[in-house]
């Protein structure tokens, strides 16, 4: 048996983008997760990790609420990709999260989180046939 499930809470880095593929859609957005701690000297330190999130299915309503700065809870399967940059030839990496559950935790741009929750809640079966993988 194996399990690949990751949970993150963070803030959206840019407004979500929706792409249509016939009778299916994918929504893409980035989430920043910042970890904070104090070093031995008592100085605050922080490190931000970025995740590229994709959610397959009918996401038109959800995309209206996934705007820059909004806090979200995301569950999904993680993938790590490595590549060599065409610009500088350096090795780069990206963490991708194929989401099956997205919950809105905060609002942005005057949109109410409660309105968004009423409009859209998502918790899909991660083993359904909605994913192209």
N, C-alpha and C. Protein backbone atom coordinates (compact mmCIF):
# COMPACT_ATOMS: atom_id res chain seq x y z
N UNK A 1 0.84 -1.18 0.00
CA UNK A 1 0.00 0.00 0.00
C UNK A 1 0.88 1.24 0.00
N UNK A 2 0.45 2.28 -0.68
CA UNK A 2 1.17 3.55 -0.68
C UNK A 2 0.16 4.68 -0.59
N UNK A 3 0.62 5.82 -0.13
CA UNK A 3 -0.25 6.98 0.03
C UNK A 3 0.52 8.24 -0.32
N UNK A 4 -0.07 9.11 -1.11
CA UNK A 4 0.51 10.40 -1.46
C UNK A 4 -0.56 11.44 -1.21
N UNK A 5 -0.56 12.02 -0.01
CA UNK A 5 -1.55 13.03 0.36
C UNK A 5 -0.83 14.14 1.11
N UNK A 6 -1.01 15.38 0.65
CA UNK A 6 -0.38 16.53 1.26
C UNK A 6 -1.45 17.56 1.56
N UNK A 7 -1.31 18.23 2.70
CA UNK A 7 -2.21 19.29 3.10
C UNK A 7 -1.40 20.57 3.30
N UNK A 8 -1.86 21.66 2.70
CA UNK A 8 -1.19 22.95 2.89
C UNK A 8 -2.23 24.01 3.23
N UNK A 9 -1.79 25.03 3.95
CA UNK A 9 -2.57 26.25 4.17
C UNK A 9 -1.65 27.40 3.83
N UNK A 10 -2.10 28.27 2.95
CA UNK A 10 -1.28 29.39 2.54
C UNK A 10 -2.10 30.43 1.81
N UNK A 11 -1.40 31.37 1.19
CA UNK A 11 -2.05 32.46 0.47
C UNK A 11 -1.77 32.35 -1.02
N UNK A 12 -2.80 32.65 -1.81
CA UNK A 12 -2.70 32.57 -3.26
C UNK A 12 -1.78 33.69 -3.77
N UNK A 13 -0.87 33.33 -4.68
CA UNK A 13 0.11 34.27 -5.20
C UNK A 13 -0.37 35.09 -6.38
N UNK A 14 -1.27 34.54 -7.18
CA UNK A 14 -1.86 35.28 -8.31
C UNK A 14 -3.23 34.68 -8.59
N UNK A 15 -4.08 35.46 -9.24
CA UNK A 15 -5.43 34.99 -9.53
C UNK A 15 -5.40 33.68 -10.30
N UNK A 16 -6.36 32.82 -9.99
CA UNK A 16 -6.45 31.51 -10.64
C UNK A 16 -6.77 31.66 -12.12
N UNK A 17 -6.26 30.71 -12.92
CA UNK A 17 -6.54 30.65 -14.36
C UNK A 17 -7.28 29.36 -14.65
N UNK A 18 -8.31 29.45 -15.49
CA UNK A 18 -9.10 28.29 -15.88
C UNK A 18 -8.83 27.98 -17.34
N UNK A 19 -8.58 26.70 -17.63
CA UNK A 19 -8.40 26.25 -19.01
C UNK A 19 -9.45 25.19 -19.29
N UNK A 20 -10.11 25.31 -20.45
CA UNK A 20 -11.12 24.35 -20.86
C UNK A 20 -10.53 23.29 -21.77
N UNK A 21 -10.93 22.05 -21.52
CA UNK A 21 -10.53 20.91 -22.34
C UNK A 21 -11.79 20.13 -22.70
N UNK A 22 -12.57 20.66 -23.62
CA UNK A 22 -13.81 20.00 -23.99
C UNK A 22 -14.80 20.02 -22.83
N UNK A 23 -15.14 18.84 -22.32
CA UNK A 23 -16.09 18.76 -21.21
C UNK A 23 -15.40 18.76 -19.85
N UNK A 24 -14.14 19.11 -19.80
CA UNK A 24 -13.40 19.14 -18.54
C UNK A 24 -12.64 20.47 -18.43
N UNK A 25 -12.31 20.85 -17.23
CA UNK A 25 -11.57 22.08 -16.98
C UNK A 25 -10.45 21.80 -15.99
N UNK A 26 -9.43 22.65 -16.05
CA UNK A 26 -8.40 22.64 -15.02
C UNK A 26 -8.23 24.07 -14.55
N UNK A 27 -8.10 24.23 -13.26
CA UNK A 27 -7.84 25.53 -12.67
C UNK A 27 -6.43 25.49 -12.10
N UNK A 28 -5.63 26.51 -12.38
CA UNK A 28 -4.25 26.57 -11.92
C UNK A 28 -4.03 27.84 -11.11
N UNK A 29 -3.34 27.70 -9.99
CA UNK A 29 -2.97 28.85 -9.17
C UNK A 29 -1.79 28.47 -8.29
N UNK A 30 -1.11 29.47 -7.75
CA UNK A 30 0.04 29.20 -6.89
C UNK A 30 -0.31 29.57 -5.45
N UNK A 31 0.28 28.82 -4.51
CA UNK A 31 0.05 29.06 -3.08
C UNK A 31 1.40 29.17 -2.38
N UNK A 32 1.55 30.22 -1.58
CA UNK A 32 2.75 30.43 -0.77
C UNK A 32 2.48 29.96 0.65
N UNK A 33 3.35 29.10 1.16
CA UNK A 33 3.27 28.63 2.54
C UNK A 33 4.52 29.11 3.25
N UNK A 34 4.34 29.92 4.27
CA UNK A 34 5.48 30.52 4.98
C UNK A 34 5.61 29.91 6.37
N UNK A 35 6.81 29.43 6.64
CA UNK A 35 7.14 28.87 7.96
C UNK A 35 7.97 29.91 8.69
N UNK A 36 7.61 30.18 9.95
CA UNK A 36 8.33 31.17 10.75
C UNK A 36 8.88 30.51 12.01
N UNK A 37 10.07 30.96 12.44
CA UNK A 37 10.70 30.47 13.65
C UNK A 37 11.69 31.50 14.15
N UNK A 38 12.20 31.26 15.34
CA UNK A 38 13.24 32.13 15.89
C UNK A 38 14.54 31.35 15.94
N UNK A 39 15.64 32.02 15.57
CA UNK A 39 16.94 31.37 15.62
C UNK A 39 17.48 31.41 17.06
N UNK A 40 18.68 30.92 17.26
CA UNK A 40 19.26 30.85 18.61
C UNK A 40 19.40 32.22 19.25
N UNK A 41 19.53 33.26 18.43
CA UNK A 41 19.66 34.63 18.94
C UNK A 41 18.31 35.28 19.23
N UNK A 42 17.23 34.57 18.93
CA UNK A 42 15.90 35.11 19.16
C UNK A 42 15.35 35.93 18.00
N UNK A 43 16.10 36.00 16.90
CA UNK A 43 15.65 36.74 15.73
C UNK A 43 14.65 35.92 14.93
N UNK A 44 13.60 36.58 14.47
CA UNK A 44 12.60 35.88 13.67
C UNK A 44 13.16 35.56 12.30
N UNK A 45 12.91 34.35 11.86
CA UNK A 45 13.31 33.87 10.55
C UNK A 45 12.06 33.38 9.82
N UNK A 46 12.12 33.33 8.51
CA UNK A 46 11.00 32.78 7.75
C UNK A 46 11.50 32.18 6.45
N UNK A 47 10.75 31.23 5.96
CA UNK A 47 11.03 30.60 4.67
C UNK A 47 9.70 30.34 3.99
N UNK A 48 9.60 30.75 2.73
CA UNK A 48 8.37 30.56 1.97
C UNK A 48 8.58 29.49 0.92
N UNK A 49 7.65 28.54 0.87
CA UNK A 49 7.65 27.48 -0.14
C UNK A 49 6.45 27.70 -1.04
N UNK A 50 6.69 27.67 -2.35
CA UNK A 50 5.62 27.87 -3.32
C UNK A 50 5.16 26.53 -3.89
N UNK A 51 3.84 26.39 -4.04
CA UNK A 51 3.22 25.21 -4.64
C UNK A 51 2.41 25.66 -5.85
N UNK A 52 2.55 24.94 -6.95
CA UNK A 52 1.71 25.15 -8.12
C UNK A 52 0.55 24.16 -8.00
N UNK A 53 -0.67 24.68 -7.87
CA UNK A 53 -1.85 23.85 -7.60
C UNK A 53 -2.70 23.73 -8.86
N UNK A 54 -3.17 22.51 -9.14
CA UNK A 54 -4.10 22.25 -10.24
C UNK A 54 -5.30 21.51 -9.69
N UNK A 55 -6.49 21.88 -10.16
CA UNK A 55 -7.73 21.19 -9.76
C UNK A 55 -8.53 20.93 -11.01
N UNK A 56 -8.80 19.65 -11.28
CA UNK A 56 -9.58 19.24 -12.45
C UNK A 56 -11.05 19.16 -12.09
N UNK A 57 -11.93 19.42 -13.07
CA UNK A 57 -13.37 19.34 -12.87
C UNK A 57 -14.02 20.65 -13.28
N UNK A 58 -15.28 20.84 -12.91
CA UNK A 58 -15.99 22.07 -13.21
C UNK A 58 -15.64 23.11 -12.15
N UNK A 59 -14.78 24.06 -12.50
CA UNK A 59 -14.21 24.98 -11.53
C UNK A 59 -14.55 26.45 -11.77
N UNK A 60 -15.53 26.73 -12.62
CA UNK A 60 -15.82 28.11 -12.97
C UNK A 60 -16.18 28.94 -11.75
N UNK A 61 -17.07 28.46 -10.91
CA UNK A 61 -17.49 29.20 -9.73
C UNK A 61 -16.34 29.37 -8.76
N UNK A 62 -15.60 28.32 -8.51
CA UNK A 62 -14.48 28.37 -7.58
C UNK A 62 -13.44 29.39 -8.02
N UNK A 63 -13.15 29.46 -9.30
CA UNK A 63 -12.10 30.35 -9.78
C UNK A 63 -12.39 31.82 -9.47
N UNK A 64 -13.65 32.18 -9.35
CA UNK A 64 -14.02 33.56 -9.03
C UNK A 64 -13.53 33.98 -7.65
N UNK A 65 -13.29 33.04 -6.77
CA UNK A 65 -12.89 33.32 -5.40
C UNK A 65 -11.41 33.09 -5.13
N UNK A 66 -10.72 32.44 -6.05
CA UNK A 66 -9.30 32.14 -5.86
C UNK A 66 -8.48 33.30 -6.43
N UNK A 67 -8.37 34.35 -5.63
CA UNK A 67 -7.70 35.57 -6.05
C UNK A 67 -6.47 35.82 -5.19
N UNK A 68 -5.57 36.60 -5.73
CA UNK A 68 -4.31 36.90 -5.06
C UNK A 68 -4.55 37.36 -3.62
N UNK A 69 -3.83 36.73 -2.68
CA UNK A 69 -3.91 37.10 -1.28
C UNK A 69 -4.90 36.29 -0.46
N UNK A 70 -5.83 35.58 -1.11
CA UNK A 70 -6.82 34.79 -0.39
C UNK A 70 -6.15 33.59 0.29
N UNK A 71 -6.53 33.35 1.54
CA UNK A 71 -5.99 32.20 2.26
C UNK A 71 -6.81 30.95 1.92
N UNK A 72 -6.12 29.84 1.63
CA UNK A 72 -6.79 28.60 1.25
C UNK A 72 -6.17 27.40 1.96
N UNK A 73 -7.01 26.38 2.11
CA UNK A 73 -6.61 25.06 2.59
C UNK A 73 -6.71 24.14 1.39
N UNK A 74 -5.64 23.40 1.09
CA UNK A 74 -5.64 22.53 -0.08
C UNK A 74 -5.13 21.15 0.31
N UNK A 75 -5.85 20.11 -0.12
CA UNK A 75 -5.40 18.72 0.01
C UNK A 75 -5.20 18.16 -1.39
N UNK A 76 -4.15 17.38 -1.55
CA UNK A 76 -3.94 16.78 -2.85
C UNK A 76 -2.72 15.89 -2.88
N UNK A 77 -2.40 15.44 -4.08
CA UNK A 77 -1.23 14.59 -4.31
C UNK A 77 -0.09 15.47 -4.79
N UNK A 78 1.07 15.31 -4.18
CA UNK A 78 2.21 16.15 -4.51
C UNK A 78 3.11 15.48 -5.55
N UNK A 79 3.67 16.32 -6.43
CA UNK A 79 4.66 15.89 -7.41
C UNK A 79 5.80 16.89 -7.38
N UNK A 80 7.01 16.43 -7.42
CA UNK A 80 8.18 17.31 -7.48
C UNK A 80 8.80 17.15 -8.86
N UNK A 81 8.98 18.27 -9.55
CA UNK A 81 9.59 18.26 -10.88
C UNK A 81 10.88 19.05 -10.85
N UNK A 82 11.89 18.55 -11.55
CA UNK A 82 13.16 19.25 -11.68
C UNK A 82 13.41 19.50 -13.16
N UNK A 83 14.04 20.63 -13.45
CA UNK A 83 14.34 20.97 -14.84
C UNK A 83 15.52 21.93 -14.88
N UNK A 84 16.06 22.12 -16.06
CA UNK A 84 17.14 23.07 -16.27
C UNK A 84 16.54 24.29 -16.95
N UNK A 85 16.78 25.46 -16.37
CA UNK A 85 16.23 26.71 -16.88
C UNK A 85 16.84 27.05 -18.24
N UNK A 86 16.00 27.45 -19.19
CA UNK A 86 16.48 27.89 -20.50
C UNK A 86 17.15 29.25 -20.41
N UNK A 87 16.80 30.04 -19.40
CA UNK A 87 17.34 31.39 -19.28
C UNK A 87 18.76 31.41 -18.74
N UNK A 88 19.02 30.66 -17.67
CA UNK A 88 20.35 30.73 -17.06
C UNK A 88 21.06 29.38 -16.97
N UNK A 89 20.42 28.32 -17.42
CA UNK A 89 21.04 27.01 -17.43
C UNK A 89 21.17 26.36 -16.06
N UNK A 90 20.54 26.94 -15.05
CA UNK A 90 20.61 26.39 -13.70
C UNK A 90 19.50 25.38 -13.45
N UNK A 91 19.78 24.44 -12.56
CA UNK A 91 18.77 23.46 -12.17
C UNK A 91 17.72 24.14 -11.32
N UNK A 92 16.46 23.87 -11.59
CA UNK A 92 15.32 24.44 -10.86
C UNK A 92 14.39 23.32 -10.44
N UNK A 93 13.50 23.62 -9.53
CA UNK A 93 12.52 22.64 -9.09
C UNK A 93 11.18 23.31 -8.85
N UNK A 94 10.12 22.53 -8.93
CA UNK A 94 8.78 23.03 -8.66
C UNK A 94 8.00 21.94 -7.93
N UNK A 95 7.19 22.36 -6.96
CA UNK A 95 6.30 21.45 -6.25
C UNK A 95 4.90 21.65 -6.80
N UNK A 96 4.33 20.58 -7.34
CA UNK A 96 2.97 20.63 -7.89
C UNK A 96 2.04 19.84 -6.98
N UNK A 97 0.85 20.39 -6.79
CA UNK A 97 -0.15 19.73 -5.97
C UNK A 97 -1.40 19.54 -6.81
N UNK A 98 -1.75 18.28 -7.09
CA UNK A 98 -2.99 17.96 -7.80
C UNK A 98 -4.09 17.87 -6.76
N UNK A 99 -4.88 18.94 -6.66
CA UNK A 99 -5.83 19.10 -5.56
C UNK A 99 -7.09 18.28 -5.75
N UNK A 100 -7.59 17.74 -4.63
CA UNK A 100 -8.91 17.12 -4.63
C UNK A 100 -9.81 17.74 -3.58
N UNK A 101 -9.28 18.65 -2.74
CA UNK A 101 -10.09 19.36 -1.76
C UNK A 101 -9.51 20.76 -1.60
N UNK A 102 -10.35 21.77 -1.83
CA UNK A 102 -9.96 23.16 -1.64
C UNK A 102 -11.00 23.82 -0.76
N UNK A 103 -10.54 24.46 0.31
CA UNK A 103 -11.43 25.20 1.20
C UNK A 103 -10.94 26.63 1.29
N UNK A 104 -11.84 27.58 1.19
CA UNK A 104 -11.50 28.99 1.31
C UNK A 104 -11.46 29.35 2.79
N UNK A 105 -10.36 29.93 3.25
CA UNK A 105 -10.22 30.28 4.66
C UNK A 105 -10.30 31.78 4.89
N UNK A 106 -10.03 32.56 3.89
CA UNK A 106 -10.06 34.01 4.03
C UNK A 106 -10.62 34.62 2.78
N UNK A 107 -10.99 35.89 2.88
CA UNK A 107 -11.55 36.55 1.70
C UNK A 107 -10.58 37.61 1.19
N UNK A 108 -10.85 38.06 -0.01
CA UNK A 108 -10.02 39.07 -0.64
C UNK A 108 -10.89 39.88 -1.59
N UNK A 109 -10.47 41.10 -1.85
CA UNK A 109 -11.19 41.97 -2.80
C UNK A 109 -12.66 42.15 -2.45
N UNK A 110 -12.98 42.17 -1.17
CA UNK A 110 -14.35 42.44 -0.75
C UNK A 110 -15.30 41.28 -0.92
N UNK A 111 -14.82 40.13 -1.35
CA UNK A 111 -15.69 38.97 -1.51
C UNK A 111 -15.79 38.24 -0.18
N UNK A 112 -16.97 37.91 0.21
CA UNK A 112 -17.19 37.24 1.48
C UNK A 112 -16.82 35.77 1.39
N UNK A 113 -16.09 35.31 2.39
CA UNK A 113 -15.75 33.89 2.45
C UNK A 113 -17.00 33.04 2.61
N UNK A 114 -17.96 33.53 3.39
CA UNK A 114 -19.20 32.78 3.57
C UNK A 114 -19.96 32.65 2.25
N UNK A 115 -20.00 33.74 1.45
CA UNK A 115 -20.65 33.65 0.14
C UNK A 115 -19.96 32.62 -0.73
N UNK A 116 -18.65 32.60 -0.69
CA UNK A 116 -17.89 31.65 -1.50
C UNK A 116 -18.18 30.23 -1.06
N UNK A 117 -18.25 30.00 0.25
CA UNK A 117 -18.52 28.65 0.75
C UNK A 117 -19.90 28.18 0.33
N UNK A 118 -20.86 29.10 0.31
CA UNK A 118 -22.20 28.72 -0.14
C UNK A 118 -22.20 28.42 -1.63
N UNK A 119 -21.44 29.24 -2.40
CA UNK A 119 -21.39 29.05 -3.84
C UNK A 119 -20.66 27.77 -4.23
N UNK A 120 -19.58 27.48 -3.50
CA UNK A 120 -18.73 26.38 -3.95
C UNK A 120 -17.97 25.75 -2.81
N UNK A 121 -18.12 24.49 -2.65
CA UNK A 121 -17.27 23.68 -1.78
C UNK A 121 -16.81 22.50 -2.62
N UNK A 122 -15.58 22.13 -2.45
CA UNK A 122 -15.04 21.04 -3.25
C UNK A 122 -14.39 20.00 -2.37
N UNK A 123 -14.78 18.81 -2.54
CA UNK A 123 -14.06 17.68 -2.00
C UNK A 123 -14.36 16.52 -2.92
N UNK A 124 -13.48 16.31 -3.84
CA UNK A 124 -13.67 15.28 -4.84
C UNK A 124 -12.98 14.00 -4.41
N UNK A 125 -13.47 12.91 -4.93
CA UNK A 125 -12.82 11.63 -4.71
C UNK A 125 -11.51 11.62 -5.48
N UNK A 126 -10.37 11.49 -4.78
CA UNK A 126 -9.08 11.54 -5.49
C UNK A 126 -8.87 10.38 -6.44
N UNK A 127 -9.73 9.36 -6.37
CA UNK A 127 -9.57 8.20 -7.23
C UNK A 127 -10.64 8.15 -8.31
N UNK A 128 -11.34 9.29 -8.52
CA UNK A 128 -12.36 9.33 -9.55
C UNK A 128 -11.70 9.42 -10.93
N UNK A 129 -12.52 9.33 -11.96
CA UNK A 129 -12.01 9.37 -13.33
C UNK A 129 -12.00 10.77 -13.91
N UNK A 130 -12.11 11.82 -13.08
CA UNK A 130 -12.10 13.19 -13.58
C UNK A 130 -10.71 13.70 -13.94
N UNK A 131 -9.69 13.02 -13.48
CA UNK A 131 -8.33 13.46 -13.75
C UNK A 131 -7.81 12.81 -15.03
N UNK A 132 -7.05 13.57 -15.83
CA UNK A 132 -6.54 13.00 -17.07
C UNK A 132 -5.35 12.07 -16.85
N UNK A 133 -4.87 11.91 -15.62
CA UNK A 133 -3.68 11.11 -15.34
C UNK A 133 -4.02 9.65 -15.17
